[in-house]
Amino acid sequence: MLRTPQKKPCPTCGGSGEIAIHIGDRIADLRKKAGLTQQDLADKLPVTRPQLANIECGRGEPSMSTLQALCMALEIDADTLLFGGEE
């Protein structure tokens, strides 16, 4: 379920903006579809569970190496992760 994107970063939480929110929502949805907890997925990535939580809610942006690790852990391609579509 995608949230309506914010037009600018949130002054309260420091959200990274529209793109980060969409990617974070997709990561959370794909993780849940895979039956993984945040901790399960974080254990497969070069990030901690709190870092993954920040990425999922748009407060943080994943690095290229984290995006690659996410694709491998969730067994999806980069297009699916970044743009949605077939899973």
PDB file of N, CA and C in Angstrom:
ATOM      1  N   MET A   1       0.843  -1.153   0.000  1.00  0.00           N
ATOM      2  CA  MET A   1       0.000   0.000   0.000  1.00  0.00           C
ATOM      3  C   MET A   1       0.905   1.236   0.000  1.00  0.00           C
ATOM      4  N   LEU A   2       0.836   2.034  -1.059  1.00  0.00           N
ATOM      5  CA  LEU A   2       1.674   3.219  -1.162  1.00  0.00           C
ATOM      6  C   LEU A   2       0.980   4.412  -0.519  1.00  0.00           C
ATOM      7  N   ARG A   3       1.749   5.197   0.188  1.00  0.00           N
ATOM      8  CA  ARG A   3       1.233   6.423   0.784  1.00  0.00           C
ATOM      9  C   ARG A   3       1.292   7.538  -0.243  1.00  0.00           C
ATOM     10  N   THR A   4       0.511   8.576  -0.033  1.00  0.00           N
ATOM     11  CA  THR A   4       0.604   9.752  -0.879  1.00  0.00           C
ATOM     12  C   THR A   4       1.940  10.421  -0.592  1.00  0.00           C
ATOM     13  N   PRO A   5       2.768  10.637  -1.639  1.00  0.00           N
ATOM     14  CA  PRO A   5       4.093  11.208  -1.396  1.00  0.00           C
ATOM     15  C   PRO A   5       4.033  12.647  -0.907  1.00  0.00           C
ATOM     16  N   GLN A   6       4.989  12.984  -0.094  1.00  0.00           N
ATOM     17  CA  GLN A   6       5.125  14.353   0.374  1.00  0.00           C
ATOM     18  C   GLN A   6       5.795  15.162  -0.733  1.00  0.00           C
ATOM     19  N   LYS A   7       5.459  16.427  -0.820  1.00  0.00           N
ATOM     20  CA  LYS A   7       6.052  17.296  -1.833  1.00  0.00           C
ATOM     21  C   LYS A   7       7.451  17.759  -1.456  1.00  0.00           C
ATOM     22  N   LYS A   8       7.753  17.787  -0.163  1.00  0.00           N
ATOM     23  CA  LYS A   8       9.075  18.197   0.296  1.00  0.00           C
ATOM     24  C   LYS A   8       9.410  17.392   1.544  1.00  0.00           C
ATOM     25  N   PRO A   9      10.674  17.371   1.937  1.00  0.00           N
ATOM     26  CA  PRO A   9      11.044  16.619   3.137  1.00  0.00           C
ATOM     27  C   PRO A   9      10.266  17.087   4.362  1.00  0.00           C
ATOM     28  N   CYS A  10       9.914  16.140   5.189  1.00  0.00           N
ATOM     29  CA  CYS A  10       9.185  16.436   6.419  1.00  0.00           C
ATOM     30  C   CYS A  10      10.107  17.175   7.397  1.00  0.00           C
ATOM     31  N   PRO A  11       9.707  18.343   7.892  1.00  0.00           N
ATOM     32  CA  PRO A  11      10.560  19.082   8.819  1.00  0.00           C
ATOM     33  C   PRO A  11      10.679  18.402  10.178  1.00  0.00           C
ATOM     34  N   THR A  12       9.719  17.546  10.514  1.00  0.00           N
ATOM     35  CA  THR A  12       9.734  16.869  11.807  1.00  0.00           C
ATOM     36  C   THR A  12      10.670  15.673  11.813  1.00  0.00           C
ATOM     37  N   CYS A  13      10.470  14.753  10.842  1.00  0.00           N
ATOM     38  CA  CYS A  13      11.246  13.511  10.855  1.00  0.00           C
ATOM     39  C   CYS A  13      12.422  13.533   9.889  1.00  0.00           C
ATOM     40  N   GLY A  14      12.518  14.557   9.038  1.00  0.00           N
ATOM     41  CA  GLY A  14      13.627  14.622   8.100  1.00  0.00           C
ATOM     42  C   GLY A  14      13.479  13.687   6.920  1.00  0.00           C
ATOM     43  N   GLY A  15      12.249  13.268   6.619  1.00  0.00           N
ATOM     44  CA  GLY A  15      12.006  12.369   5.486  1.00  0.00           C
ATOM     45  C   GLY A  15      12.703  12.872   4.237  1.00  0.00           C
ATOM     46  N   SER A  16      13.169  11.957   3.423  1.00  0.00           N
ATOM     47  CA  SER A  16      13.987  12.312   2.272  1.00  0.00           C
ATOM     48  C   SER A  16      13.178  12.786   1.077  1.00  0.00           C
ATOM     49  N   GLY A  17      11.865  12.654   1.108  1.00  0.00           N
ATOM     50  CA  GLY A  17      11.047  13.132   0.017  1.00  0.00           C
ATOM     51  C   GLY A  17      10.319  12.025  -0.717  1.00  0.00           C
ATOM     52  N   GLU A  18       9.727  12.416  -1.821  1.00  0.00           N
ATOM     53  CA  GLU A  18       8.817  11.562  -2.574  1.00  0.00           C
ATOM     54  C   GLU A  18       9.424  10.235  -3.016  1.00  0.00           C
ATOM     55  N   ILE A  19      10.581  10.246  -3.627  1.00  0.00           N
ATOM     56  CA  ILE A  19      11.186   9.014  -4.138  1.00  0.00           C
ATOM     57  C   ILE A  19      11.519   8.063  -2.996  1.00  0.00           C
ATOM     58  N   ALA A  20      12.086   8.568  -1.940  1.00  0.00           N
ATOM     59  CA  ALA A  20      12.441   7.723  -0.796  1.00  0.00           C
ATOM     60  C   ALA A  20      11.206   7.077  -0.185  1.00  0.00           C
ATOM     61  N   ILE A  21      10.094   7.791  -0.161  1.00  0.00           N
ATOM     62  CA  ILE A  21       8.858   7.238   0.394  1.00  0.00           C
ATOM     63  C   ILE A  21       8.362   6.092  -0.470  1.00  0.00           C
ATOM     64  N   HIS A  22       8.357   6.288  -1.793  1.00  0.00           N
ATOM     65  CA  HIS A  22       7.889   5.227  -2.691  1.00  0.00           C
ATOM     66  C   HIS A  22       8.774   3.988  -2.600  1.00  0.00           C
ATOM     67  N   ILE A  23      10.075   4.178  -2.609  1.00  0.00           N
ATOM     68  CA  ILE A  23      10.989   3.035  -2.522  1.00  0.00           C
ATOM     69  C   ILE A  23      10.833   2.346  -1.169  1.00  0.00           C
ATOM     70  N   GLY A  24      10.742   3.115  -0.106  1.00  0.00           N
ATOM     71  CA  GLY A  24      10.555   2.529   1.219  1.00  0.00           C
ATOM     72  C   GLY A  24       9.276   1.718   1.320  1.00  0.00           C
ATOM     73  N   ASP A  25       8.192   2.246   0.740  1.00  0.00           N
ATOM     74  CA  ASP A  25       6.926   1.505   0.736  1.00  0.00           C
ATOM     75  C   ASP A  25       7.068   0.190  -0.022  1.00  0.00           C
ATOM     76  N   ARG A  26       7.749   0.231  -1.165  1.00  0.00           N
ATOM     77  CA  ARG A  26       7.944  -0.998  -1.949  1.00  0.00           C
ATOM     78  C   ARG A  26       8.779  -2.011  -1.179  1.00  0.00           C
ATOM     79  N   ILE A  27       9.834  -1.550  -0.523  1.00  0.00           N
ATOM     80  CA  ILE A  27      10.674  -2.463   0.265  1.00  0.00           C
ATOM     81  C   ILE A  27       9.835  -3.128   1.353  1.00  0.00           C
ATOM     82  N   ALA A  28       9.045  -2.343   2.071  1.00  0.00           N
ATOM     83  CA  ALA A  28       8.216  -2.899   3.144  1.00  0.00           C
ATOM     84  C   ALA A  28       7.212  -3.905   2.590  1.00  0.00           C
ATOM     85  N   ASP A  29       6.558  -3.563   1.475  1.00  0.00           N
ATOM     86  CA  ASP A  29       5.579  -4.480   0.879  1.00  0.00           C
ATOM     87  C   ASP A  29       6.236  -5.772   0.414  1.00  0.00           C
ATOM     88  N   LEU A  30       7.380  -5.663  -0.254  1.00  0.00           N
ATOM     89  CA  LEU A  30       8.080  -6.854  -0.743  1.00  0.00           C
ATOM     90  C   LEU A  30       8.583  -7.709   0.414  1.00  0.00           C
ATOM     91  N   ARG A  31       9.062  -7.059   1.459  1.00  0.00           N
ATOM     92  CA  ARG A  31       9.535  -7.793   2.640  1.00  0.00           C
ATOM     93  C   ARG A  31       8.401  -8.591   3.260  1.00  0.00           C
ATOM     94  N   LYS A  32       7.246  -7.949   3.416  1.00  0.00           N
ATOM     95  CA  LYS A  32       6.094  -8.625   4.016  1.00  0.00           C
ATOM     96  C   LYS A  32       5.607  -9.774   3.139  1.00  0.00           C
ATOM     97  N   LYS A  33       5.586  -9.563   1.813  1.00  0.00           N
ATOM     98  CA  LYS A  33       5.176 -10.631   0.895  1.00  0.00           C
ATOM     99  C   LYS A  33       6.122 -11.821   0.981  1.00  0.00           C
ATOM    100  N   ALA A  34       7.388 -11.548   1.277  1.00  0.00           N
ATOM    101  CA  ALA A  34       8.378 -12.620   1.418  1.00  0.00           C
ATOM    102  C   ALA A  34       8.290 -13.286   2.789  1.00  0.00           C
ATOM    103  N   GLY A  35       7.439 -12.760   3.665  1.00  0.00           N
ATOM    104  CA  GLY A  35       7.275 -13.338   4.996  1.00  0.00           C
ATOM    105  C   GLY A  35       8.434 -13.056   5.932  1.00  0.00           C
ATOM    106  N   LEU A  36       9.110 -11.919   5.712  1.00  0.00           N
ATOM    107  CA  LEU A  36      10.276 -11.558   6.517  1.00  0.00           C
ATOM    108  C   LEU A  36       9.947 -10.424   7.484  1.00  0.00           C
ATOM    109  N   THR A  37      10.535 -10.476   8.658  1.00  0.00           N
ATOM    110  CA  THR A  37      10.466  -9.344   9.574  1.00  0.00           C
ATOM    111  C   THR A  37      11.557  -8.352   9.167  1.00  0.00           C
ATOM    112  N   GLN A  38      11.511  -7.164   9.741  1.00  0.00           N
ATOM    113  CA  GLN A  38      12.590  -6.206   9.476  1.00  0.00           C
ATOM    114  C   GLN A  38      13.927  -6.791   9.906  1.00  0.00           C
ATOM    115  N   GLN A  39      13.952  -7.476  11.042  1.00  0.00           N
ATOM    116  CA  GLN A  39      15.209  -8.063  11.519  1.00  0.00           C
ATOM    117  C   GLN A  39      15.698  -9.148  10.569  1.00  0.00           C
ATOM    118  N   ASP A  40      14.785 -10.003  10.078  1.00  0.00           N
ATOM    119  CA  ASP A  40      15.170 -11.050   9.124  1.00  0.00           C
ATOM    120  C   ASP A  40      15.850 -10.436   7.903  1.00  0.00           C
ATOM    121  N   LEU A  41      15.232  -9.392   7.347  1.00  0.00           N
ATOM    122  CA  LEU A  41      15.785  -8.777   6.146  1.00  0.00           C
ATOM    123  C   LEU A  41      17.075  -8.032   6.462  1.00  0.00           C
ATOM    124  N   ALA A  42      17.113  -7.300   7.560  1.00  0.00           N
ATOM    125  CA  ALA A  42      18.326  -6.557   7.923  1.00  0.00           C
ATOM    126  C   ALA A  42      19.518  -7.491   8.088  1.00  0.00           C
ATOM    127  N   ASP A  43      19.271  -8.710   8.585  1.00  0.00           N
ATOM    128  CA  ASP A  43      20.356  -9.682   8.755  1.00  0.00           C
ATOM    129  C   ASP A  43      20.985 -10.081   7.426  1.00  0.00           C
ATOM    130  N   LYS A  44      20.259  -9.876   6.329  1.00  0.00           N
ATOM    131  CA  LYS A  44      20.763 -10.224   4.997  1.00  0.00           C
ATOM    132  C   LYS A  44      21.377  -9.020   4.283  1.00  0.00           C
ATOM    133  N   LEU A  45      21.371  -7.878   4.950  1.00  0.00           N
ATOM    134  CA  LEU A  45      21.803  -6.620   4.338  1.00  0.00           C
ATOM    135  C   LEU A  45      22.952  -5.993   5.125  1.00  0.00           C
ATOM    136  N   PRO A  46      23.620  -5.012   4.485  1.00  0.00           N
ATOM    137  CA  PRO A  46      24.669  -4.287   5.211  1.00  0.00           C
ATOM    138  C   PRO A  46      24.109  -3.125   6.037  1.00  0.00           C
ATOM    139  N   VAL A  47      22.919  -3.338   6.651  1.00  0.00           N
ATOM    140  CA  VAL A  47      22.298  -2.314   7.495  1.00  0.00           C
ATOM    141  C   VAL A  47      21.732  -2.974   8.750  1.00  0.00           C
ATOM    142  N   THR A  48      21.486  -2.159   9.759  1.00  0.00           N
ATOM    143  CA  THR A  48      20.856  -2.646  10.985  1.00  0.00           C
ATOM    144  C   THR A  48      19.333  -2.588  10.831  1.00  0.00           C
ATOM    145  N   ARG A  49      18.611  -3.187  11.770  1.00  0.00           N
ATOM    146  CA  ARG A  49      17.151  -3.128  11.720  1.00  0.00           C
ATOM    147  C   ARG A  49      16.634  -1.692  11.818  1.00  0.00           C
ATOM    148  N   PRO A  50      17.183  -0.850  12.722  1.00  0.00           N
ATOM    149  CA  PRO A  50      16.723   0.541  12.750  1.00  0.00           C
ATOM    150  C   PRO A  50      16.997   1.288  11.436  1.00  0.00           C
ATOM    151  N   GLN A  51      18.132   0.998  10.797  1.00  0.00           N
ATOM    152  CA  GLN A  51      18.412   1.639   9.506  1.00  0.00           C
ATOM    153  C   GLN A  51      17.388   1.204   8.462  1.00  0.00           C
ATOM    154  N   LEU A  52      17.054  -0.091   8.450  1.00  0.00           N
ATOM    155  CA  LEU A  52      16.048  -0.588   7.514  1.00  0.00           C
ATOM    156  C   LEU A  52      14.697   0.065   7.794  1.00  0.00           C
ATOM    157  N   ALA A  53      14.342   0.206   9.059  1.00  0.00           N
ATOM    158  CA  ALA A  53      13.078   0.866   9.420  1.00  0.00           C
ATOM    159  C   ALA A  53      13.052   2.296   8.888  1.00  0.00           C
ATOM    160  N   ASN A  54      14.167   3.008   8.998  1.00  0.00           N
ATOM    161  CA  ASN A  54      14.246   4.377   8.477  1.00  0.00           C
ATOM    162  C   ASN A  54      14.099   4.401   6.964  1.00  0.00           C
ATOM    163  N   ILE A  55      14.689   3.438   6.276  1.00  0.00           N
ATOM    164  CA  ILE A  55      14.563   3.355   4.820  1.00  0.00           C
ATOM    165  C   ILE A  55      13.106   3.094   4.448  1.00  0.00           C
ATOM    166  N   GLU A  56      12.470   2.157   5.143  1.00  0.00           N
ATOM    167  CA  GLU A  56      11.090   1.795   4.825  1.00  0.00           C
ATOM    168  C   GLU A  56      10.118   2.953   5.025  1.00  0.00           C
ATOM    169  N   CYS A  57      10.381   3.830   5.974  1.00  0.00           N
ATOM    170  CA  CYS A  57       9.441   4.935   6.202  1.00  0.00           C
ATOM    171  C   CYS A  57       9.896   6.237   5.540  1.00  0.00           C
ATOM    172  N   GLY A  58      10.938   6.188   4.736  1.00  0.00           N
ATOM    173  CA  GLY A  58      11.348   7.359   3.964  1.00  0.00           C
ATOM    174  C   GLY A  58      12.263   8.320   4.682  1.00  0.00           C
ATOM    175  N   ARG A  59      12.732   7.969   5.880  1.00  0.00           N
ATOM    176  CA  ARG A  59      13.651   8.856   6.612  1.00  0.00           C
ATOM    177  C   ARG A  59      15.093   8.638   6.198  1.00  0.00           C
ATOM    178  N   GLY A  60      15.354   7.549   5.493  1.00  0.00           N
ATOM    179  CA  GLY A  60      16.705   7.260   5.037  1.00  0.00           C
ATOM    180  C   GLY A  60      16.671   6.762   3.608  1.00  0.00           C
ATOM    181  N   GLU A  61      17.777   6.889   2.919  1.00  0.00           N
ATOM    182  CA  GLU A  61      17.879   6.417   1.541  1.00  0.00           C
ATOM    183  C   GLU A  61      18.930   5.319   1.482  1.00  0.00           C
ATOM    184  N   PRO A  62      18.593   4.194   0.842  1.00  0.00           N
ATOM    185  CA  PRO A  62      19.555   3.095   0.753  1.00  0.00           C
ATOM    186  C   PRO A  62      20.699   3.428  -0.198  1.00  0.00           C
ATOM    187  N   SER A  63      21.889   2.950   0.130  1.00  0.00           N
ATOM    188  CA  SER A  63      23.038   3.109  -0.763  1.00  0.00           C
ATOM    189  C   SER A  63      22.882   2.142  -1.934  1.00  0.00           C
ATOM    190  N   MET A  64      23.724   2.291  -2.939  1.00  0.00           N
ATOM    191  CA  MET A  64      23.696   1.375  -4.084  1.00  0.00           C
ATOM    192  C   MET A  64      23.973  -0.051  -3.633  1.00  0.00           C
ATOM    193  N   SER A  65      24.910  -0.241  -2.713  1.00  0.00           N
ATOM    194  CA  SER A  65      25.214  -1.598  -2.254  1.00  0.00           C
ATOM    195  C   SER A  65      24.041  -2.184  -1.469  1.00  0.00           C
ATOM    196  N   THR A  66      23.323  -1.351  -0.733  1.00  0.00           N
ATOM    197  CA  THR A  66      22.143  -1.830  -0.015  1.00  0.00           C
ATOM    198  C   THR A  66      21.028  -2.180  -0.994  1.00  0.00           C
ATOM    199  N   LEU A  67      20.841  -1.372  -2.043  1.00  0.00           N
ATOM    200  CA  LEU A  67      19.842  -1.691  -3.065  1.00  0.00           C
ATOM    201  C   LEU A  67      20.149  -3.030  -3.727  1.00  0.00           C
ATOM    202  N   GLN A  68      21.415  -3.244  -4.044  1.00  0.00           N
ATOM    203  CA  GLN A  68      21.816  -4.513  -4.656  1.00  0.00           C
ATOM    204  C   GLN A  68      21.546  -5.676  -3.697  1.00  0.00           C
ATOM    205  N   ALA A  69      21.890  -5.509  -2.434  1.00  0.00           N
ATOM    206  CA  ALA A  69      21.659  -6.560  -1.443  1.00  0.00           C
ATOM    207  C   ALA A  69      20.163  -6.812  -1.244  1.00  0.00           C
ATOM    208  N   LEU A  70      19.355  -5.754  -1.296  1.00  0.00           N
ATOM    209  CA  LEU A  70      17.905  -5.912  -1.192  1.00  0.00           C
ATOM    210  C   LEU A  70      17.363  -6.759  -2.336  1.00  0.00           C
ATOM    211  N   CYS A  71      17.824  -6.473  -3.541  1.00  0.00           N
ATOM    212  CA  CYS A  71      17.386  -7.249  -4.705  1.00  0.00           C
ATOM    213  C   CYS A  71      17.744  -8.719  -4.542  1.00  0.00           C
ATOM    214  N   MET A  72      18.943  -8.981  -4.083  1.00  0.00           N
ATOM    215  CA  MET A  72      19.368 -10.368  -3.892  1.00  0.00           C
ATOM    216  C   MET A  72      18.562 -11.037  -2.777  1.00  0.00           C
ATOM    217  N   ALA A  73      18.375 -10.359  -1.661  1.00  0.00           N
ATOM    218  CA  ALA A  73      17.672 -10.941  -0.517  1.00  0.00           C
ATOM    219  C   ALA A  73      16.200 -11.204  -0.824  1.00  0.00           C
ATOM    220  N   LEU A  74      15.584 -10.305  -1.606  1.00  0.00           N
ATOM    221  CA  LEU A  74      14.165 -10.439  -1.929  1.00  0.00           C
ATOM    222  C   LEU A  74      13.935 -11.188  -3.244  1.00  0.00           C
ATOM    223  N   GLU A  75      15.035 -11.550  -3.909  1.00  0.00           N
ATOM    224  CA  GLU A  75      14.996 -12.289  -5.175  1.00  0.00           C
ATOM    225  C   GLU A  75      14.154 -11.562  -6.223  1.00  0.00           C
ATOM    226  N   ILE A  76      14.486 -10.281  -6.406  1.00  0.00           N
ATOM    227  CA  ILE A  76      13.810  -9.439  -7.392  1.00  0.00           C
ATOM    228  C   ILE A  76      14.861  -8.682  -8.182  1.00  0.00           C
ATOM    229  N   ASP A  77      14.432  -8.082  -9.299  1.00  0.00           N
ATOM    230  CA  ASP A  77      15.373  -7.259 -10.053  1.00  0.00           C
ATOM    231  C   ASP A  77      15.232  -5.795  -9.625  1.00  0.00           C
ATOM    232  N   ALA A  78      16.178  -4.992 -10.046  1.00  0.00           N
ATOM    233  CA  ALA A  78      16.204  -3.583  -9.631  1.00  0.00           C
ATOM    234  C   ALA A  78      14.979  -2.826 -10.126  1.00  0.00           C
ATOM    235  N   ASP A  79      14.479  -3.149 -11.332  1.00  0.00           N
ATOM    236  CA  ASP A  79      13.284  -2.472 -11.840  1.00  0.00           C
ATOM    237  C   ASP A  79      12.095  -2.674 -10.910  1.00  0.00           C
ATOM    238  N   THR A  80      11.922  -3.901 -10.431  1.00  0.00           N
ATOM    239  CA  THR A  80      10.817  -4.187  -9.515  1.00  0.00           C
ATOM    240  C   THR A  80      10.974  -3.389  -8.228  1.00  0.00           C
ATOM    241  N   LEU A  81      12.181  -3.333  -7.713  1.00  0.00           N
ATOM    242  CA  LEU A  81      12.419  -2.609  -6.465  1.00  0.00           C
ATOM    243  C   LEU A  81      12.202  -1.107  -6.640  1.00  0.00           C
ATOM    244  N   LEU A  82      12.744  -0.546  -7.698  1.00  0.00           N
ATOM    245  CA  LEU A  82      12.714   0.899  -7.868  1.00  0.00           C
ATOM    246  C   LEU A  82      11.430   1.432  -8.488  1.00  0.00           C
ATOM    247  N   PHE A  83      10.825   0.644  -9.382  1.00  0.00           N
ATOM    248  CA  PHE A  83       9.686   1.162 -10.139  1.00  0.00           C
ATOM    249  C   PHE A  83       8.394   0.376  -9.940  1.00  0.00           C
ATOM    250  N   GLY A  84       8.441  -0.726  -9.194  1.00  0.00           N
ATOM    251  CA  GLY A  84       7.255  -1.554  -8.997  1.00  0.00           C
ATOM    252  C   GLY A  84       7.084  -2.507 -10.165  1.00  0.00           C
ATOM    253  N   GLY A  85       5.942  -3.097 -10.263  1.00  0.00           N
ATOM    254  CA  GLY A  85       5.682  -4.015 -11.366  1.00  0.00           C
ATOM    255  C   GLY A  85       5.676  -5.450 -10.908  1.00  0.00           C
ATOM    256  N   GLU A  86       6.100  -6.335 -11.800  1.00  0.00           N
ATOM    257  CA  GLU A  86       6.043  -7.771 -11.539  1.00  0.00           C
ATOM    258  C   GLU A  86       6.981  -8.159 -10.417  1.00  0.00           C
ATOM    259  N   GLU A  87       6.474  -8.986  -9.504  1.00  0.00           N
ATOM    260  CA  GLU A  87       7.285  -9.498  -8.402  1.00  0.00           C
ATOM    261  C   GLU A  87       7.435 -10.975  -8.537  1.00  0.00           C
TER     262      GLU A  87
END
